[in-house]
Amino acid sequence: MLRKLTISTLALATAAVALASTALASIPLDPGSGRVAPAPSTPDGFPWGDVAIGVALAVALAVCLLGVAFVTRTRRRLAGSH
């Protein structure tokens, strides 16, 4: 059960990142035409704010997965003692 949850969570996260990164990396040339152009890069330097958000999300996901693993392990141990 935990393995399926982990695999589907990773697959969903990977798909979301792949789709979001390509969608955000382009801007529409003409709103009605459907044509897009690459977004211009910003010369401000490395986006540390975006990195901090990504790290925070990764840590939150890891904590959630560890919590699920702990609860599953605890339930199995309790079920085995009855």
PDB file of N, CA and C in Angstrom:
ATOM      1  N   MET A   1       0.821  -1.190   0.000  1.00  0.00           N
ATOM      2  CA  MET A   1       0.000   0.000   0.000  1.00  0.00           C
ATOM      3  C   MET A   1       0.866   1.256   0.000  1.00  0.00           C
ATOM      4  N   LEU A   2       1.844   1.307   0.894  1.00  0.00           N
ATOM      5  CA  LEU A   2       2.716   2.472   0.972  1.00  0.00           C
ATOM      6  C   LEU A   2       3.544   2.610  -0.295  1.00  0.00           C
ATOM      7  N   ARG A   3       3.959   1.487  -0.856  1.00  0.00           N
ATOM      8  CA  ARG A   3       4.754   1.531  -2.081  1.00  0.00           C
ATOM      9  C   ARG A   3       3.936   2.129  -3.222  1.00  0.00           C
ATOM     10  N   LYS A   4       2.675   1.735  -3.349  1.00  0.00           N
ATOM     11  CA  LYS A   4       1.816   2.278  -4.396  1.00  0.00           C
ATOM     12  C   LYS A   4       1.594   3.772  -4.188  1.00  0.00           C
ATOM     13  N   LEU A   5       1.373   4.166  -2.939  1.00  0.00           N
ATOM     14  CA  LEU A   5       1.173   5.577  -2.635  1.00  0.00           C
ATOM     15  C   LEU A   5       2.411   6.390  -2.978  1.00  0.00           C
ATOM     16  N   THR A   6       3.570   5.874  -2.626  1.00  0.00           N
ATOM     17  CA  THR A   6       4.820   6.574  -2.910  1.00  0.00           C
ATOM     18  C   THR A   6       5.052   6.703  -4.407  1.00  0.00           C
ATOM     19  N   ILE A   7       4.833   5.617  -5.139  1.00  0.00           N
ATOM     20  CA  ILE A   7       5.061   5.645  -6.583  1.00  0.00           C
ATOM     21  C   ILE A   7       4.084   6.597  -7.256  1.00  0.00           C
ATOM     22  N   SER A   8       2.805   6.541  -6.874  1.00  0.00           N
ATOM     23  CA  SER A   8       1.848   7.443  -7.519  1.00  0.00           C
ATOM     24  C   SER A   8       2.094   8.892  -7.136  1.00  0.00           C
ATOM     25  N   THR A   9       2.528   9.145  -5.910  1.00  0.00           N
ATOM     26  CA  THR A   9       2.832  10.518  -5.505  1.00  0.00           C
ATOM     27  C   THR A   9       4.011  11.057  -6.294  1.00  0.00           C
ATOM     28  N   LEU A  10       5.057  10.245  -6.437  1.00  0.00           N
ATOM     29  CA  LEU A  10       6.225  10.677  -7.213  1.00  0.00           C
ATOM     30  C   LEU A  10       5.871  10.885  -8.678  1.00  0.00           C
ATOM     31  N   ALA A  11       5.052  10.004  -9.242  1.00  0.00           N
ATOM     32  CA  ALA A  11       4.645  10.156 -10.638  1.00  0.00           C
ATOM     33  C   ALA A  11       3.839  11.437 -10.831  1.00  0.00           C
ATOM     34  N   LEU A  12       2.914  11.701  -9.917  1.00  0.00           N
ATOM     35  CA  LEU A  12       2.100  12.910 -10.008  1.00  0.00           C
ATOM     36  C   LEU A  12       2.957  14.168  -9.851  1.00  0.00           C
ATOM     37  N   ALA A  13       3.882  14.150  -8.899  1.00  0.00           N
ATOM     38  CA  ALA A  13       4.748  15.310  -8.683  1.00  0.00           C
ATOM     39  C   ALA A  13       5.638  15.556  -9.904  1.00  0.00           C
ATOM     40  N   THR A  14       6.175  14.479 -10.481  1.00  0.00           N
ATOM     41  CA  THR A  14       7.024  14.621 -11.664  1.00  0.00           C
ATOM     42  C   THR A  14       6.236  15.188 -12.836  1.00  0.00           C
ATOM     43  N   ALA A  15       5.033  14.669 -13.045  1.00  0.00           N
ATOM     44  CA  ALA A  15       4.200  15.172 -14.142  1.00  0.00           C
ATOM     45  C   ALA A  15       3.831  16.636 -13.922  1.00  0.00           C
ATOM     46  N   ALA A  16       3.504  16.997 -12.691  1.00  0.00           N
ATOM     47  CA  ALA A  16       3.129  18.380 -12.394  1.00  0.00           C
ATOM     48  C   ALA A  16       4.290  19.334 -12.638  1.00  0.00           C
ATOM     49  N   VAL A  17       5.485  18.930 -12.223  1.00  0.00           N
ATOM     50  CA  VAL A  17       6.661  19.785 -12.429  1.00  0.00           C
ATOM     51  C   VAL A  17       6.970  19.910 -13.912  1.00  0.00           C
ATOM     52  N   ALA A  18       6.891  18.799 -14.639  1.00  0.00           N
ATOM     53  CA  ALA A  18       7.185  18.836 -16.072  1.00  0.00           C
ATOM     54  C   ALA A  18       6.197  19.734 -16.808  1.00  0.00           C
ATOM     55  N   LEU A  19       4.915  19.606 -16.498  1.00  0.00           N
ATOM     56  CA  LEU A  19       3.913  20.424 -17.185  1.00  0.00           C
ATOM     57  C   LEU A  19       3.999  21.892 -16.771  1.00  0.00           C
ATOM     58  N   ALA A  20       4.213  22.143 -15.504  1.00  0.00           N
ATOM     59  CA  ALA A  20       4.277  23.524 -15.031  1.00  0.00           C
ATOM     60  C   ALA A  20       5.507  24.236 -15.568  1.00  0.00           C
ATOM     61  N   SER A  21       6.645  23.551 -15.623  1.00  0.00           N
ATOM     62  CA  SER A  21       7.860  24.218 -16.064  1.00  0.00           C
ATOM     63  C   SER A  21       7.785  24.584 -17.539  1.00  0.00           C
ATOM     64  N   THR A  22       7.174  23.724 -18.372  1.00  0.00           N
ATOM     65  CA  THR A  22       7.067  24.067 -19.786  1.00  0.00           C
ATOM     66  C   THR A  22       6.020  25.141 -20.012  1.00  0.00           C
ATOM     67  N   ALA A  23       4.952  25.131 -19.231  1.00  0.00           N
ATOM     68  CA  ALA A  23       3.912  26.141 -19.401  1.00  0.00           C
ATOM     69  C   ALA A  23       4.392  27.515 -18.931  1.00  0.00           C
ATOM     70  N   LEU A  24       5.140  27.546 -17.872  1.00  0.00           N
ATOM     71  CA  LEU A  24       5.601  28.826 -17.342  1.00  0.00           C
ATOM     72  C   LEU A  24       6.797  29.384 -18.098  1.00  0.00           C
ATOM     73  N   ALA A  25       7.440  28.554 -18.907  1.00  0.00           N
ATOM     74  CA  ALA A  25       8.628  28.994 -19.625  1.00  0.00           C
ATOM     75  C   ALA A  25       8.292  29.611 -20.972  1.00  0.00           C
ATOM     76  N   SER A  26       7.016  29.818 -21.265  1.00  0.00           N
ATOM     77  CA  SER A  26       6.641  30.412 -22.540  1.00  0.00           C
ATOM     78  C   SER A  26       5.571  31.471 -22.316  1.00  0.00           C
ATOM     79  N   ILE A  27       5.557  32.406 -23.236  1.00  0.00           N
ATOM     80  CA  ILE A  27       4.555  33.462 -23.181  1.00  0.00           C
ATOM     81  C   ILE A  27       3.815  33.493 -24.515  1.00  0.00           C
ATOM     82  N   PRO A  28       2.527  33.810 -24.509  1.00  0.00           N
ATOM     83  CA  PRO A  28       1.791  33.853 -25.776  1.00  0.00           C
ATOM     84  C   PRO A  28       2.214  35.053 -26.616  1.00  0.00           C
ATOM     85  N   LEU A  29       2.434  34.802 -27.914  1.00  0.00           N
ATOM     86  CA  LEU A  29       2.761  35.908 -28.820  1.00  0.00           C
ATOM     87  C   LEU A  29       1.510  36.709 -29.145  1.00  0.00           C
ATOM     88  N   ASP A  30       0.444  35.999 -29.439  1.00  0.00           N
ATOM     89  CA  ASP A  30      -0.837  36.620 -29.757  1.00  0.00           C
ATOM     90  C   ASP A  30      -1.893  35.825 -29.010  1.00  0.00           C
ATOM     91  N   PRO A  31      -2.678  36.429 -28.138  1.00  0.00           N
ATOM     92  CA  PRO A  31      -3.605  35.666 -27.294  1.00  0.00           C
ATOM     93  C   PRO A  31      -4.515  34.696 -28.043  1.00  0.00           C
ATOM     94  N   GLY A  32      -4.923  35.016 -29.257  1.00  0.00           N
ATOM     95  CA  GLY A  32      -5.841  34.144 -29.978  1.00  0.00           C
ATOM     96  C   GLY A  32      -5.161  33.135 -30.888  1.00  0.00           C
ATOM     97  N   SER A  33      -3.875  33.302 -31.178  1.00  0.00           N
ATOM     98  CA  SER A  33      -3.228  32.467 -32.190  1.00  0.00           C
ATOM     99  C   SER A  33      -2.746  31.124 -31.652  1.00  0.00           C
ATOM    100  N   GLY A  34      -2.467  31.016 -30.373  1.00  0.00           N
ATOM    101  CA  GLY A  34      -1.946  29.776 -29.816  1.00  0.00           C
ATOM    102  C   GLY A  34      -0.444  29.641 -29.965  1.00  0.00           C
ATOM    103  N   ARG A  35       0.191  30.608 -30.606  1.00  0.00           N
ATOM    104  CA  ARG A  35       1.653  30.564 -30.757  1.00  0.00           C
ATOM    105  C   ARG A  35       2.300  31.120 -29.491  1.00  0.00           C
ATOM    106  N   VAL A  36       3.419  30.510 -29.120  1.00  0.00           N
ATOM    107  CA  VAL A  36       4.120  30.960 -27.921  1.00  0.00           C
ATOM    108  C   VAL A  36       5.589  31.186 -28.233  1.00  0.00           C
ATOM    109  N   ALA A  37       6.235  31.980 -27.425  1.00  0.00           N
ATOM    110  CA  ALA A  37       7.666  32.245 -27.537  1.00  0.00           C
ATOM    111  C   ALA A  37       8.304  31.971 -26.182  1.00  0.00           C
ATOM    112  N   PRO A  38       9.577  31.613 -26.171  1.00  0.00           N
ATOM    113  CA  PRO A  38      10.250  31.396 -24.878  1.00  0.00           C
ATOM    114  C   PRO A  38      10.227  32.672 -24.038  1.00  0.00           C
ATOM    115  N   ALA A  39      10.040  32.504 -22.760  1.00  0.00           N
ATOM    116  CA  ALA A  39      10.036  33.651 -21.861  1.00  0.00           C
ATOM    117  C   ALA A  39      11.449  34.204 -21.742  1.00  0.00           C
ATOM    118  N   PRO A  40      11.589  35.505 -21.733  1.00  0.00           N
ATOM    119  CA  PRO A  40      12.934  36.074 -21.585  1.00  0.00           C
ATOM    120  C   PRO A  40      13.491  35.791 -20.192  1.00  0.00           C
ATOM    121  N   SER A  41      14.774  35.523 -20.142  1.00  0.00           N
ATOM    122  CA  SER A  41      15.383  35.249 -18.837  1.00  0.00           C
ATOM    123  C   SER A  41      15.621  36.571 -18.105  1.00  0.00           C
ATOM    124  N   THR A  42      15.604  36.505 -16.813  1.00  0.00           N
ATOM    125  CA  THR A  42      15.827  37.712 -16.014  1.00  0.00           C
ATOM    126  C   THR A  42      17.306  37.801 -15.655  1.00  0.00           C
ATOM    127  N   PRO A  43      17.893  38.940 -15.816  1.00  0.00           N
ATOM    128  CA  PRO A  43      19.315  39.098 -15.501  1.00  0.00           C
ATOM    129  C   PRO A  43      19.580  39.356 -14.023  1.00  0.00           C
ATOM    130  N   ASP A  44      18.572  39.156 -13.168  1.00  0.00           N
ATOM    131  CA  ASP A  44      18.713  39.487 -11.752  1.00  0.00           C
ATOM    132  C   ASP A  44      19.552  38.477 -10.979  1.00  0.00           C
ATOM    133  N   GLY A  45      19.892  37.370 -11.569  1.00  0.00           N
ATOM    134  CA  GLY A  45      20.657  36.358 -10.859  1.00  0.00           C
ATOM    135  C   GLY A  45      19.824  35.131 -10.570  1.00  0.00           C
ATOM    136  N   PHE A  46      20.349  34.314  -9.697  1.00  0.00           N
ATOM    137  CA  PHE A  46      19.701  33.047  -9.383  1.00  0.00           C
ATOM    138  C   PHE A  46      18.460  33.281  -8.524  1.00  0.00           C
ATOM    139  N   PRO A  47      17.325  32.644  -8.852  1.00  0.00           N
ATOM    140  CA  PRO A  47      16.081  32.879  -8.108  1.00  0.00           C
ATOM    141  C   PRO A  47      16.042  32.092  -6.793  1.00  0.00           C
ATOM    142  N   TRP A  48      16.683  32.608  -5.762  1.00  0.00           N
ATOM    143  CA  TRP A  48      16.753  31.896  -4.482  1.00  0.00           C
ATOM    144  C   TRP A  48      15.387  31.748  -3.835  1.00  0.00           C
ATOM    145  N   GLY A  49      14.488  32.653  -4.087  1.00  0.00           N
ATOM    146  CA  GLY A  49      13.137  32.538  -3.535  1.00  0.00           C
ATOM    147  C   GLY A  49      12.421  31.308  -4.074  1.00  0.00           C
ATOM    148  N   ASP A  50      12.574  31.051  -5.378  1.00  0.00           N
ATOM    149  CA  ASP A  50      11.968  29.868  -5.978  1.00  0.00           C
ATOM    150  C   ASP A  50      12.590  28.590  -5.423  1.00  0.00           C
ATOM    151  N   VAL A  51      13.886  28.630  -5.202  1.00  0.00           N
ATOM    152  CA  VAL A  51      14.570  27.465  -4.629  1.00  0.00           C
ATOM    153  C   VAL A  51      14.059  27.200  -3.213  1.00  0.00           C
ATOM    154  N   ALA A  52      13.878  28.247  -2.440  1.00  0.00           N
ATOM    155  CA  ALA A  52      13.391  28.087  -1.069  1.00  0.00           C
ATOM    156  C   ALA A  52      11.988  27.486  -1.060  1.00  0.00           C
ATOM    157  N   ILE A  53      11.140  27.912  -1.976  1.00  0.00           N
ATOM    158  CA  ILE A  53       9.789  27.347  -2.059  1.00  0.00           C
ATOM    159  C   ILE A  53       9.856  25.877  -2.445  1.00  0.00           C
ATOM    160  N   GLY A  54      10.703  25.546  -3.410  1.00  0.00           N
ATOM    161  CA  GLY A  54      10.851  24.153  -3.822  1.00  0.00           C
ATOM    162  C   GLY A  54      11.367  23.268  -2.707  1.00  0.00           C
ATOM    163  N   VAL A  55      12.334  23.762  -1.968  1.00  0.00           N
ATOM    164  CA  VAL A  55      12.877  22.990  -0.846  1.00  0.00           C
ATOM    165  C   VAL A  55      11.825  22.811   0.235  1.00  0.00           C
ATOM    166  N   ALA A  56      11.074  23.859   0.519  1.00  0.00           N
ATOM    167  CA  ALA A  56      10.024  23.758   1.536  1.00  0.00           C
ATOM    168  C   ALA A  56       8.961  22.737   1.129  1.00  0.00           C
ATOM    169  N   LEU A  57       8.586  22.735  -0.137  1.00  0.00           N
ATOM    170  CA  LEU A  57       7.610  21.750  -0.612  1.00  0.00           C
ATOM    171  C   LEU A  57       8.169  20.329  -0.541  1.00  0.00           C
ATOM    172  N   ALA A  58       9.436  20.168  -0.902  1.00  0.00           N
ATOM    173  CA  ALA A  58      10.053  18.843  -0.833  1.00  0.00           C
ATOM    174  C   ALA A  58      10.133  18.339   0.602  1.00  0.00           C
ATOM    175  N   VAL A  59      10.466  19.210   1.523  1.00  0.00           N
ATOM    176  CA  VAL A  59      10.534  18.825   2.935  1.00  0.00           C
ATOM    177  C   VAL A  59       9.139  18.474   3.454  1.00  0.00           C
ATOM    178  N   ALA A  60       8.138  19.254   3.073  1.00  0.00           N
ATOM    179  CA  ALA A  60       6.768  18.970   3.505  1.00  0.00           C
ATOM    180  C   ALA A  60       6.301  17.623   2.965  1.00  0.00           C
ATOM    181  N   LEU A  61       6.619  17.319   1.710  1.00  0.00           N
ATOM    182  CA  LEU A  61       6.256  16.029   1.124  1.00  0.00           C
ATOM    183  C   LEU A  61       6.966  14.892   1.855  1.00  0.00           C
ATOM    184  N   ALA A  62       8.244  15.074   2.158  1.00  0.00           N
ATOM    185  CA  ALA A  62       8.991  14.041   2.872  1.00  0.00           C
ATOM    186  C   ALA A  62       8.404  13.801   4.267  1.00  0.00           C
ATOM    187  N   VAL A  63       8.030  14.861   4.962  1.00  0.00           N
ATOM    188  CA  VAL A  63       7.437  14.718   6.292  1.00  0.00           C
ATOM    189  C   VAL A  63       6.106  13.978   6.200  1.00  0.00           C
ATOM    190  N   CYS A  64       5.310  14.311   5.190  1.00  0.00           N
ATOM    191  CA  CYS A  64       4.029  13.611   5.009  1.00  0.00           C
ATOM    192  C   CYS A  64       4.240  12.129   4.732  1.00  0.00           C
ATOM    193  N   LEU A  65       5.185  11.806   3.872  1.00  0.00           N
ATOM    194  CA  LEU A  65       5.454  10.404   3.559  1.00  0.00           C
ATOM    195  C   LEU A  65       5.991   9.654   4.780  1.00  0.00           C
ATOM    196  N   LEU A  66       6.834  10.298   5.553  1.00  0.00           N
ATOM    197  CA  LEU A  66       7.330   9.659   6.779  1.00  0.00           C
ATOM    198  C   LEU A  66       6.191   9.455   7.776  1.00  0.00           C
ATOM    199  N   GLY A  67       5.284  10.402   7.860  1.00  0.00           N
ATOM    200  CA  GLY A  67       4.123  10.250   8.742  1.00  0.00           C
ATOM    201  C   GLY A  67       3.244   9.088   8.325  1.00  0.00           C
ATOM    202  N   VAL A  68       3.010   8.945   7.027  1.00  0.00           N
ATOM    203  CA  VAL A  68       2.220   7.822   6.524  1.00  0.00           C
ATOM    204  C   VAL A  68       2.923   6.510   6.827  1.00  0.00           C
ATOM    205  N   ALA A  69       4.232   6.475   6.626  1.00  0.00           N
ATOM    206  CA  ALA A  69       4.995   5.252   6.913  1.00  0.00           C
ATOM    207  C   ALA A  69       4.917   4.903   8.396  1.00  0.00           C
ATOM    208  N   PHE A  70       5.023   5.902   9.264  1.00  0.00           N
ATOM    209  CA  PHE A  70       4.972   5.654  10.707  1.00  0.00           C
ATOM    210  C   PHE A  70       3.603   5.122  11.127  1.00  0.00           C
ATOM    211  N   VAL A  71       2.543   5.749  10.613  1.00  0.00           N
ATOM    212  CA  VAL A  71       1.186   5.313  10.963  1.00  0.00           C
ATOM    213  C   VAL A  71       0.942   3.894  10.466  1.00  0.00           C
ATOM    214  N   THR A  72       1.379   3.591   9.255  1.00  0.00           N
ATOM    215  CA  THR A  72       1.206   2.245   8.707  1.00  0.00           C
ATOM    216  C   THR A  72       1.959   1.223   9.549  1.00  0.00           C
ATOM    217  N   ARG A  73       3.176   1.560   9.928  1.00  0.00           N
ATOM    218  CA  ARG A  73       3.981   0.641  10.743  1.00  0.00           C
ATOM    219  C   ARG A  73       3.341   0.420  12.105  1.00  0.00           C
ATOM    220  N   THR A  74       2.825   1.487  12.706  1.00  0.00           N
ATOM    221  CA  THR A  74       2.188   1.387  14.016  1.00  0.00           C
ATOM    222  C   THR A  74       0.923   0.540  13.936  1.00  0.00           C
ATOM    223  N   ARG A  75       0.131   0.713  12.904  1.00  0.00           N
ATOM    224  CA  ARG A  75      -1.097  -0.071  12.758  1.00  0.00           C
ATOM    225  C   ARG A  75      -0.788  -1.547  12.568  1.00  0.00           C
ATOM    226  N   ARG A  76       0.241  -1.854  11.797  1.00  0.00           N
ATOM    227  CA  ARG A  76       0.609  -3.262  11.598  1.00  0.00           C
ATOM    228  C   ARG A  76       1.068  -3.891  12.897  1.00  0.00           C
ATOM    229  N   ARG A  77       1.830  -3.134  13.684  1.00  0.00           N
ATOM    230  CA  ARG A  77       2.323  -3.671  14.950  1.00  0.00           C
ATOM    231  C   ARG A  77       1.165  -3.919  15.908  1.00  0.00           C
ATOM    232  N   LEU A  78       0.202  -2.984  15.953  1.00  0.00           N
ATOM    233  CA  LEU A  78      -0.958  -3.147  16.833  1.00  0.00           C
ATOM    234  C   LEU A  78      -1.849  -4.289  16.368  1.00  0.00           C
ATOM    235  N   ALA A  79      -2.031  -4.449  15.068  1.00  0.00           N
ATOM    236  CA  ALA A  79      -2.862  -5.518  14.532  1.00  0.00           C
ATOM    237  C   ALA A  79      -2.236  -6.875  14.817  1.00  0.00           C
ATOM    238  N   GLY A  80      -0.915  -6.955  14.807  1.00  0.00           N
ATOM    239  CA  GLY A  80      -0.232  -8.216  15.068  1.00  0.00           C
ATOM    240  C   GLY A  80      -0.274  -8.632  16.516  1.00  0.00           C
ATOM    241  N   SER A  81      -0.469  -7.679  17.430  1.00  0.00           N
ATOM    242  CA  SER A  81      -0.467  -8.012  18.861  1.00  0.00           C
ATOM    243  C   SER A  81      -1.829  -8.491  19.347  1.00  0.00           C
ATOM    244  N   HIS A  82      -2.882  -8.346  18.535  1.00  0.00           N
ATOM    245  CA  HIS A  82      -4.214  -8.790  18.958  1.00  0.00           C
ATOM    246  C   HIS A  82      -4.502 -10.198  18.521  1.00  0.00           C
TER     247      HIS A  82
END
